[in-house]
PDB file of N, CA and C in Angstrom:
ATOM      1  N   MET A   1     -24.846 -40.220 201.868  1.00  0.00           N
ATOM      2  CA  MET A   1     -24.979 -38.986 202.936  1.00  0.00           C
ATOM      3  C   MET A   1     -26.243 -38.128 202.646  1.00  0.00           C
ATOM      4  N   LYS A   2     -26.425 -38.129 201.255  1.00  0.00           N
ATOM      5  CA  LYS A   2     -27.582 -37.299 200.920  1.00  0.00           C
ATOM      6  C   LYS A   2     -28.838 -38.138 201.112  1.00  0.00           C
ATOM      7  N   ASP A   3     -28.770 -39.371 201.401  1.00  0.00           N
ATOM      8  CA  ASP A   3     -29.935 -40.123 201.740  1.00  0.00           C
ATOM      9  C   ASP A   3     -30.185 -39.893 203.164  1.00  0.00           C
ATOM     10  N   ASP A   4     -29.183 -39.530 204.043  1.00  0.00           N
ATOM     11  CA  ASP A   4     -29.436 -39.329 205.401  1.00  0.00           C
ATOM     12  C   ASP A   4     -30.032 -37.936 205.466  1.00  0.00           C
ATOM     13  N   PHE A   5     -29.801 -36.944 204.542  1.00  0.00           N
ATOM     14  CA  PHE A   5     -30.586 -35.652 204.742  1.00  0.00           C
ATOM     15  C   PHE A   5     -32.205 -35.833 204.258  1.00  0.00           C
ATOM     16  N   LYS A   6     -32.395 -36.857 203.276  1.00  0.00           N
ATOM     17  CA  LYS A   6     -33.713 -36.759 202.845  1.00  0.00           C
ATOM     18  C   LYS A   6     -34.667 -37.424 203.949  1.00  0.00           C
ATOM     19  N   SER A   7     -34.247 -38.010 205.014  1.00  0.00           N
ATOM     20  CA  SER A   7     -35.091 -38.387 205.989  1.00  0.00           C
ATOM     21  C   SER A   7     -35.475 -37.335 207.097  1.00  0.00           C
ATOM     22  N   LEU A   8     -34.524 -36.091 206.852  1.00  0.00           N
ATOM     23  CA  LEU A   8     -34.874 -35.203 207.842  1.00  0.00           C
ATOM     24  C   LEU A   8     -35.762 -34.239 207.502  1.00  0.00           C
ATOM     25  N   THR A   9     -36.444 -33.527 208.574  1.00  0.00           N
ATOM     26  CA  THR A   9     -37.423 -32.630 208.264  1.00  0.00           C
ATOM     27  C   THR A   9     -36.837 -31.173 207.986  1.00  0.00           C
ATOM     28  N   PRO A  10     -37.490 -30.238 207.371  1.00  0.00           N
ATOM     29  CA  PRO A  10     -37.009 -29.052 206.886  1.00  0.00           C
ATOM     30  C   PRO A  10     -36.272 -28.322 208.136  1.00  0.00           C
ATOM     31  N   GLU A  11     -36.875 -28.330 209.165  1.00  0.00           N
ATOM     32  CA  GLU A  11     -36.354 -27.668 210.306  1.00  0.00           C
ATOM     33  C   GLU A  11     -35.036 -28.187 210.830  1.00  0.00           C
ATOM     34  N   ASP A  12     -34.855 -29.536 210.739  1.00  0.00           N
ATOM     35  CA  ASP A  12     -33.708 -30.162 211.107  1.00  0.00           C
ATOM     36  C   ASP A  12     -32.580 -29.968 210.044  1.00  0.00           C
ATOM     37  N   LEU A  13     -32.981 -29.753 208.837  1.00  0.00           N
ATOM     38  CA  LEU A  13     -32.087 -29.469 207.729  1.00  0.00           C
ATOM     39  C   LEU A  13     -31.555 -28.026 207.986  1.00  0.00           C
ATOM     40  N   LYS A  14     -32.388 -27.096 208.351  1.00  0.00           N
ATOM     41  CA  LYS A  14     -31.963 -25.754 208.569  1.00  0.00           C
ATOM     42  C   LYS A  14     -30.971 -25.825 209.759  1.00  0.00           C
ATOM     43  N   LYS A  15     -31.296 -26.420 210.882  1.00  0.00           N
ATOM     44  CA  LYS A  15     -30.345 -26.652 212.028  1.00  0.00           C
ATOM     45  C   LYS A  15     -28.921 -27.245 211.458  1.00  0.00           C
ATOM     46  N   GLU A  16     -28.873 -28.303 210.529  1.00  0.00           N
ATOM     47  CA  GLU A  16     -27.719 -28.725 210.123  1.00  0.00           C
ATOM     48  C   GLU A  16     -26.808 -27.727 209.392  1.00  0.00           C
ATOM     49  N   ILE A  17     -27.656 -27.147 208.589  1.00  0.00           N
ATOM     50  CA  ILE A  17     -27.100 -25.981 207.725  1.00  0.00           C
ATOM     51  C   ILE A  17     -26.292 -25.051 208.764  1.00  0.00           C
ATOM     52  N   LEU A  18     -26.969 -24.348 209.661  1.00  0.00           N
ATOM     53  CA  LEU A  18     -26.460 -23.632 210.662  1.00  0.00           C
ATOM     54  C   LEU A  18     -25.276 -24.024 211.383  1.00  0.00           C
ATOM     55  N   SER A  19     -25.390 -25.329 211.863  1.00  0.00           N
ATOM     56  CA  SER A  19     -24.130 -25.972 212.700  1.00  0.00           C
ATOM     57  C   SER A  19     -23.014 -26.123 211.759  1.00  0.00           C
ATOM     58  N   SER A  20     -23.262 -26.479 210.495  1.00  0.00           N
ATOM     59  CA  SER A  20     -22.097 -26.752 209.631  1.00  0.00           C
ATOM     60  C   SER A  20     -21.415 -25.412 209.224  1.00  0.00           C
ATOM     61  N   SER A  21     -22.302 -24.471 209.070  1.00  0.00           N
ATOM     62  CA  SER A  21     -21.729 -23.181 208.632  1.00  0.00           C
ATOM     63  C   SER A  21     -21.009 -22.673 209.870  1.00  0.00           C
ATOM     64  N   GLU A  22     -21.335 -22.896 211.178  1.00  0.00           N
ATOM     65  CA  GLU A  22     -20.671 -22.522 212.341  1.00  0.00           C
ATOM     66  C   GLU A  22     -19.225 -23.134 212.490  1.00  0.00           C
ATOM     67  N   GLU A  23     -19.369 -24.484 212.002  1.00  0.00           N
ATOM     68  CA  GLU A  23     -18.078 -25.349 212.054  1.00  0.00           C
ATOM     69  C   GLU A  23     -17.182 -24.857 211.116  1.00  0.00           C
ATOM     70  N   VAL A  24     -17.653 -24.285 209.925  1.00  0.00           N
ATOM     71  CA  VAL A  24     -16.775 -23.805 208.692  1.00  0.00           C
ATOM     72  C   VAL A  24     -15.986 -22.433 209.292  1.00  0.00           C
ATOM     73  N   ARG A  25     -16.956 -21.599 209.937  1.00  0.00           N
ATOM     74  CA  ARG A  25     -16.285 -20.377 210.397  1.00  0.00           C
ATOM     75  C   ARG A  25     -15.232 -20.733 211.451  1.00  0.00           C
ATOM     76  N   LYS A  26     -15.490 -21.637 212.357  1.00  0.00           N
ATOM     77  CA  LYS A  26     -14.438 -21.807 213.373  1.00  0.00           C
ATOM     78  C   LYS A  26     -13.215 -22.498 212.789  1.00  0.00           C
ATOM     79  N   ALA A  27     -13.252 -23.371 211.755  1.00  0.00           N
ATOM     80  CA  ALA A  27     -12.240 -23.985 211.190  1.00  0.00           C
ATOM     81  C   ALA A  27     -11.467 -23.026 210.408  1.00  0.00           C
ATOM     82  N   ARG A  28     -12.171 -22.053 209.679  1.00  0.00           N
ATOM     83  CA  ARG A  28     -11.540 -21.079 208.896  1.00  0.00           C
ATOM     84  C   ARG A  28     -10.512 -20.232 209.889  1.00  0.00           C
ATOM     85  N   PHE A  29     -11.249 -19.772 210.941  1.00  0.00           N
ATOM     86  CA  PHE A  29     -10.462 -19.034 211.925  1.00  0.00           C
ATOM     87  C   PHE A  29      -9.301 -19.632 212.365  1.00  0.00           C
ATOM     88  N   GLN A  30      -9.376 -21.014 212.689  1.00  0.00           N
ATOM     89  CA  GLN A  30      -8.196 -21.787 213.340  1.00  0.00           C
ATOM     90  C   GLN A  30      -7.153 -21.862 212.151  1.00  0.00           C
ATOM     91  N   PHE A  31      -7.624 -22.009 211.048  1.00  0.00           N
ATOM     92  CA  PHE A  31      -6.649 -22.256 209.818  1.00  0.00           C
ATOM     93  C   PHE A  31      -5.923 -20.895 209.403  1.00  0.00           C
ATOM     94  N   GLY A  32      -6.749 -19.862 209.324  1.00  0.00           N
ATOM     95  CA  GLY A  32      -6.072 -18.843 208.763  1.00  0.00           C
ATOM     96  C   GLY A  32      -5.512 -17.966 209.953  1.00  0.00           C
ATOM     97  N   VAL A  33      -5.878 -17.952 211.177  1.00  0.00           N
ATOM     98  CA  VAL A  33      -5.212 -16.923 212.072  1.00  0.00           C
ATOM     99  C   VAL A  33      -4.247 -17.708 212.809  1.00  0.00           C
ATOM    100  N   THR A  34      -4.678 -18.794 213.452  1.00  0.00           N
ATOM    101  CA  THR A  34      -3.666 -19.687 214.402  1.00  0.00           C
ATOM    102  C   THR A  34      -2.888 -20.676 213.923  1.00  0.00           C
ATOM    103  N   ARG A  35      -3.420 -20.979 212.509  1.00  0.00           N
ATOM    104  CA  ARG A  35      -2.622 -22.014 211.940  1.00  0.00           C
ATOM    105  C   ARG A  35      -2.493 -23.429 212.750  1.00  0.00           C
ATOM    106  N   SER A  36      -3.471 -23.748 213.680  1.00  0.00           N
ATOM    107  CA  SER A  36      -3.660 -24.869 214.440  1.00  0.00           C
ATOM    108  C   SER A  36      -4.661 -25.786 213.974  1.00  0.00           C
ATOM    109  N   LEU A  37      -5.058 -25.753 212.882  1.00  0.00           N
ATOM    110  CA  LEU A  37      -6.038 -26.783 212.345  1.00  0.00           C
ATOM    111  C   LEU A  37      -5.347 -28.090 211.938  1.00  0.00           C
ATOM    112  N   GLU A  38      -5.885 -29.199 212.559  1.00  0.00           N
ATOM    113  CA  GLU A  38      -5.116 -30.500 212.346  1.00  0.00           C
ATOM    114  C   GLU A  38      -5.463 -31.042 210.946  1.00  0.00           C
ATOM    115  N   ASN A  39      -6.771 -30.864 210.415  1.00  0.00           N
ATOM    116  CA  ASN A  39      -7.244 -31.571 209.164  1.00  0.00           C
ATOM    117  C   ASN A  39      -7.986 -30.354 208.331  1.00  0.00           C
ATOM    118  N   PRO A  40      -7.266 -29.855 207.392  1.00  0.00           N
ATOM    119  CA  PRO A  40      -7.889 -28.730 206.683  1.00  0.00           C
ATOM    120  C   PRO A  40      -8.953 -29.268 205.766  1.00  0.00           C
ATOM    121  N   LYS A  41      -9.220 -30.506 205.569  1.00  0.00           N
ATOM    122  CA  LYS A  41     -10.209 -31.061 204.754  1.00  0.00           C
ATOM    123  C   LYS A  41     -11.749 -30.993 205.525  1.00  0.00           C
ATOM    124  N   VAL A  42     -11.483 -30.528 206.727  1.00  0.00           N
ATOM    125  CA  VAL A  42     -12.735 -30.164 207.626  1.00  0.00           C
ATOM    126  C   VAL A  42     -13.583 -29.230 206.924  1.00  0.00           C
ATOM    127  N   ILE A  43     -13.013 -28.166 206.446  1.00  0.00           N
ATOM    128  CA  ILE A  43     -13.642 -26.934 205.925  1.00  0.00           C
ATOM    129  C   ILE A  43     -14.404 -27.652 204.668  1.00  0.00           C
ATOM    130  N   ARG A  44     -13.700 -28.219 203.614  1.00  0.00           N
ATOM    131  CA  ARG A  44     -14.402 -28.647 202.479  1.00  0.00           C
ATOM    132  C   ARG A  44     -15.436 -29.647 202.738  1.00  0.00           C
ATOM    133  N   ASN A  45     -15.358 -30.562 203.755  1.00  0.00           N
ATOM    134  CA  ASN A  45     -16.398 -31.510 204.021  1.00  0.00           C
ATOM    135  C   ASN A  45     -17.548 -30.814 204.759  1.00  0.00           C
ATOM    136  N   HIS A  46     -17.612 -29.817 205.440  1.00  0.00           N
ATOM    137  CA  HIS A  46     -18.664 -29.157 206.035  1.00  0.00           C
ATOM    138  C   HIS A  46     -19.176 -28.310 204.935  1.00  0.00           C
ATOM    139  N   LYS A  47     -18.490 -27.615 204.132  1.00  0.00           N
ATOM    140  CA  LYS A  47     -19.078 -27.046 202.936  1.00  0.00           C
ATOM    141  C   LYS A  47     -19.939 -27.989 202.035  1.00  0.00           C
ATOM    142  N   LYS A  48     -19.451 -29.120 201.706  1.00  0.00           N
ATOM    143  CA  LYS A  48     -20.237 -30.102 201.026  1.00  0.00           C
ATOM    144  C   LYS A  48     -21.441 -30.477 201.782  1.00  0.00           C
ATOM    145  N   ARG A  49     -21.397 -30.594 203.014  1.00  0.00           N
ATOM    146  CA  ARG A  49     -22.734 -31.064 203.925  1.00  0.00           C
ATOM    147  C   ARG A  49     -23.692 -29.756 203.761  1.00  0.00           C
ATOM    148  N   ILE A  50     -23.195 -28.624 203.836  1.00  0.00           N
ATOM    149  CA  ILE A  50     -24.254 -27.410 203.597  1.00  0.00           C
ATOM    150  C   ILE A  50     -24.824 -27.464 202.360  1.00  0.00           C
ATOM    151  N   ALA A  51     -23.939 -27.847 201.112  1.00  0.00           N
ATOM    152  CA  ALA A  51     -24.677 -27.746 199.867  1.00  0.00           C
ATOM    153  C   ALA A  51     -25.620 -28.939 199.599  1.00  0.00           C
ATOM    154  N   GLN A  52     -25.206 -30.038 200.190  1.00  0.00           N
ATOM    155  CA  GLN A  52     -26.155 -31.134 200.147  1.00  0.00           C
ATOM    156  C   GLN A  52     -27.455 -30.926 200.889  1.00  0.00           C
ATOM    157  N   ALA A  53     -27.363 -30.386 202.128  1.00  0.00           N
ATOM    158  CA  ALA A  53     -28.517 -30.044 202.779  1.00  0.00           C
ATOM    159  C   ALA A  53     -29.429 -28.985 202.291  1.00  0.00           C
ATOM    160  N   LEU A  54     -28.848 -27.857 201.604  1.00  0.00           N
ATOM    161  CA  LEU A  54     -29.412 -26.972 200.960  1.00  0.00           C
ATOM    162  C   LEU A  54     -30.233 -27.551 199.663  1.00  0.00           C
ATOM    163  N   THR A  55     -29.613 -28.447 198.983  1.00  0.00           N
ATOM    164  CA  THR A  55     -30.255 -29.115 197.928  1.00  0.00           C
ATOM    165  C   THR A  55     -31.399 -29.896 198.201  1.00  0.00           C
ATOM    166  N   VAL A  56     -31.291 -30.740 199.227  1.00  0.00           N
ATOM    167  CA  VAL A  56     -32.485 -31.551 199.734  1.00  0.00           C
ATOM    168  C   VAL A  56     -33.515 -30.607 200.211  1.00  0.00           C
ATOM    169  N   LEU A  57     -33.158 -29.520 200.852  1.00  0.00           N
ATOM    170  CA  LEU A  57     -34.157 -28.688 201.429  1.00  0.00           C
ATOM    171  C   LEU A  57     -34.925 -28.059 200.111  1.00  0.00           C
ATOM    172  N   ARG A  58     -34.137 -27.644 199.106  1.00  0.00           N
ATOM    173  CA  ARG A  58     -34.872 -26.997 197.955  1.00  0.00           C
ATOM    174  C   ARG A  58     -35.763 -28.051 197.189  1.00  0.00           C
ATOM    175  N   GLU A  59     -35.302 -29.331 197.104  1.00  0.00           N
ATOM    176  CA  GLU A  59     -35.981 -30.430 196.640  1.00  0.00           C
ATOM    177  C   GLU A  59     -37.390 -30.526 197.385  1.00  0.00           C
ATOM    178  N   LYS A  60     -37.274 -30.475 198.621  1.00  0.00           N
ATOM    179  CA  LYS A  60     -38.360 -30.718 199.395  1.00  0.00           C
ATOM    180  C   LYS A  60     -39.486 -29.479 199.277  1.00  0.00           C
ATOM    181  N   GLU A  61     -39.065 -28.241 198.951  1.00  0.00           N
ATOM    182  CA  GLU A  61     -39.910 -27.209 198.858  1.00  0.00           C
ATOM    183  C   GLU A  61     -40.453 -27.333 197.602  1.00  0.00           C
ATOM    184  N   LEU A  62     -39.794 -27.699 196.464  1.00  0.00           N
ATOM    185  CA  LEU A  62     -40.290 -27.818 195.156  1.00  0.00           C
ATOM    186  C   LEU A  62     -41.374 -28.970 195.018  1.00  0.00           C
ATOM    187  N   THR A  63     -41.084 -30.049 195.639  1.00  0.00           N
ATOM    188  CA  THR A  63     -42.085 -31.076 195.757  1.00  0.00           C
ATOM    189  C   THR A  63     -43.291 -30.878 196.497  1.00  0.00           C
ATOM    190  N   ALA A  64     -43.119 -29.967 197.495  1.00  0.00           N
ATOM    191  CA  ALA A  64     -44.376 -29.477 198.116  1.00  0.00           C
ATOM    192  C   ALA A  64     -45.307 -28.620 197.478  1.00  0.00           C
ATOM    193  N   LYS A  65     -44.624 -27.832 196.589  1.00  0.00           N
ATOM    194  CA  LYS A  65     -45.288 -26.813 195.669  1.00  0.00           C
ATOM    195  C   LYS A  65     -45.791 -27.666 194.462  1.00  0.00           C
ATOM    196  N   GLY A  66     -45.508 -28.846 194.283  1.00  0.00           N
ATOM    197  CA  GLY A  66     -45.645 -29.612 192.985  1.00  0.00           C
ATOM    198  C   GLY A  66     -45.123 -29.241 191.769  1.00  0.00           C
ATOM    199  N   LYS A  67     -43.934 -28.588 191.835  1.00  0.00           N
ATOM    200  CA  LYS A  67     -43.205 -28.202 190.615  1.00  0.00           C
ATOM    201  C   LYS A  67     -42.132 -29.160 190.342  1.00  0.00           C
ATOM    202  N   LEU A  68     -41.857 -30.010 191.169  1.00  0.00           N
ATOM    203  CA  LEU A  68     -40.819 -31.167 191.016  1.00  0.00           C
ATOM    204  C   LEU A  68     -41.225 -32.427 190.911  1.00  0.00           C
ATOM    205  N   LYS A  69     -41.113 -33.052 189.764  1.00  0.00           N
ATOM    206  CA  LYS A  69     -41.484 -34.530 189.749  1.00  0.00           C
ATOM    207  C   LYS A  69     -40.255 -35.379 189.905  1.00  0.00           C
ATOM    208  N   GLN A  70     -40.684 -36.590 190.606  1.00  0.00           N
ATOM    209  CA  GLN A  70     -39.585 -37.447 190.835  1.00  0.00           C
ATOM    210  C   GLN A  70     -39.525 -38.407 189.597  1.00  0.00           C
ATOM    211  N   ILE A  71     -38.314 -38.504 189.003  1.00  0.00           N
ATOM    212  CA  ILE A  71     -38.049 -39.188 187.755  1.00  0.00           C
ATOM    213  C   ILE A  71     -37.186 -40.380 188.183  1.00  0.00           C
ATOM    214  N   ALA A  72     -37.768 -41.534 187.768  1.00  0.00           N
ATOM    215  CA  ALA A  72     -36.962 -42.794 188.130  1.00  0.00           C
ATOM    216  C   ALA A  72     -35.922 -42.971 187.052  1.00  0.00           C
ATOM    217  N   PRO A  73     -34.866 -43.466 187.299  1.00  0.00           N
ATOM    218  CA  PRO A  73     -33.765 -43.799 186.223  1.00  0.00           C
ATOM    219  C   PRO A  73     -34.342 -45.098 185.568  1.00  0.00           C
ATOM    220  N   LYS A  74     -34.086 -45.122 184.213  1.00  0.00           N
ATOM    221  CA  LYS A  74     -34.255 -46.679 183.566  1.00  0.00           C
ATOM    222  C   LYS A  74     -33.482 -47.666 184.026  1.00  0.00           C
ATOM    223  N   ALA A  75     -34.110 -48.786 184.308  1.00  0.00           N
ATOM    224  CA  ALA A  75     -33.366 -49.929 184.708  1.00  0.00           C
ATOM    225  C   ALA A  75     -32.595 -50.590 183.643  1.00  0.00           C
ATOM    226  N   GLY A  76     -31.212 -50.797 183.985  1.00  0.00           N
ATOM    227  CA  GLY A  76     -30.355 -51.594 182.988  1.00  0.00           C
ATOM    228  C   GLY A  76     -29.647 -50.765 182.012  1.00  0.00           C
ATOM    229  N   SER A  77     -30.221 -49.600 181.775  1.00  0.00           N
ATOM    230  CA  SER A  77     -29.579 -48.715 180.807  1.00  0.00           C
ATOM    231  C   SER A  77     -28.542 -47.641 181.470  1.00  0.00           C
ATOM    232  N   ALA A  78     -27.382 -47.628 180.728  1.00  0.00           N
ATOM    233  CA  ALA A  78     -26.260 -46.465 181.072  1.00  0.00           C
ATOM    234  C   ALA A  78     -26.518 -45.423 180.021  1.00  0.00           C
ATOM    235  N   PRO A  79     -26.094 -44.229 180.616  1.00  0.00           N
ATOM    236  CA  PRO A  79     -26.002 -43.073 179.610  1.00  0.00           C
ATOM    237  C   PRO A  79     -25.070 -43.170 178.540  1.00  0.00           C
ATOM    238  N   LYS A  80     -25.349 -42.807 177.340  1.00  0.00           N
ATOM    239  CA  LYS A  80     -24.521 -42.924 176.169  1.00  0.00           C
ATOM    240  C   LYS A  80     -23.351 -41.838 176.219  1.00  0.00           C
ATOM    241  N   ALA A  81     -22.381 -42.351 176.000  1.00  0.00           N
ATOM    242  CA  ALA A  81     -21.207 -41.507 175.969  1.00  0.00           C
ATOM    243  C   ALA A  81     -20.992 -40.913 174.519  1.00  0.00           C
ATOM    244  N   ALA A  82     -20.734 -39.600 174.602  1.00  0.00           N
ATOM    245  CA  ALA A  82     -20.383 -38.698 173.292  1.00  0.00           C
ATOM    246  C   ALA A  82     -19.392 -39.169 172.455  1.00  0.00           C
ATOM    247  N   LYS A  83     -19.362 -39.052 171.275  1.00  0.00           N
ATOM    248  CA  LYS A  83     -18.314 -39.762 170.331  1.00  0.00           C
ATOM    249  C   LYS A  83     -17.212 -38.407 170.248  1.00  0.00           C
ATOM    250  N   THR A  84     -16.112 -38.855 170.309  1.00  0.00           N
ATOM    251  CA  THR A  84     -15.005 -37.844 170.095  1.00  0.00           C
ATOM    252  C   THR A  84     -14.067 -38.401 168.859  1.00  0.00           C
ATOM    253  N   SER A  85     -13.737 -37.480 168.049  1.00  0.00           N
ATOM    254  CA  SER A  85     -12.987 -37.782 167.003  1.00  0.00           C
ATOM    255  C   SER A  85     -11.393 -37.513 167.271  1.00  0.00           C
ATOM    256  N   LYS A  86     -10.664 -38.474 166.996  1.00  0.00           N
ATOM    257  CA  LYS A  86      -9.071 -38.170 167.328  1.00  0.00           C
ATOM    258  C   LYS A  86      -8.221 -37.740 166.027  1.00  0.00           C
ATOM    259  N   GLY A  87      -8.819 -37.849 164.831  1.00  0.00           N
ATOM    260  CA  GLY A  87      -7.988 -37.679 163.680  1.00  0.00           C
ATOM    261  C   GLY A  87      -8.398 -36.222 163.214  1.00  0.00           C
ATOM    262  N   LYS A  88      -7.876 -36.049 161.989  1.00  0.00           N
ATOM    263  CA  LYS A  88      -7.980 -34.697 161.192  1.00  0.00           C
ATOM    264  C   LYS A  88      -9.467 -34.841 160.655  1.00  0.00           C
ATOM    265  N   LYS A  89      -9.925 -33.530 160.515  1.00  0.00           N
ATOM    266  CA  LYS A  89     -11.277 -33.403 159.946  1.00  0.00           C
ATOM    267  C   LYS A  89     -11.081 -33.358 158.448  1.00  0.00           C
ATOM    268  N   LYS A  90     -11.829 -34.143 157.634  1.00  0.00           N
ATOM    269  CA  LYS A  90     -11.778 -34.021 156.107  1.00  0.00           C
ATOM    270  C   LYS A  90     -12.632 -33.033 155.519  1.00  0.00           C
TER     271      LYS A  90
END
């Protein structure tokens, strides 16, 4: 889904943010006042869409200013896990 946002222009991202925030407002009203919301996860899903759109919008702004560099992940290497000790310390 985040890849879908990367292909949008900043104006389209702002429209998406406004429409999703409007949907959150409507869903909260339905859930809080009338208790007639069929699926309460709608609120969470729209909030996630808003956060993803805001993140991509900020990335585009920073990239345009030259403050953000694209870092490619290393091929074939997984991040190392931290060691945890299960016994008593000596």
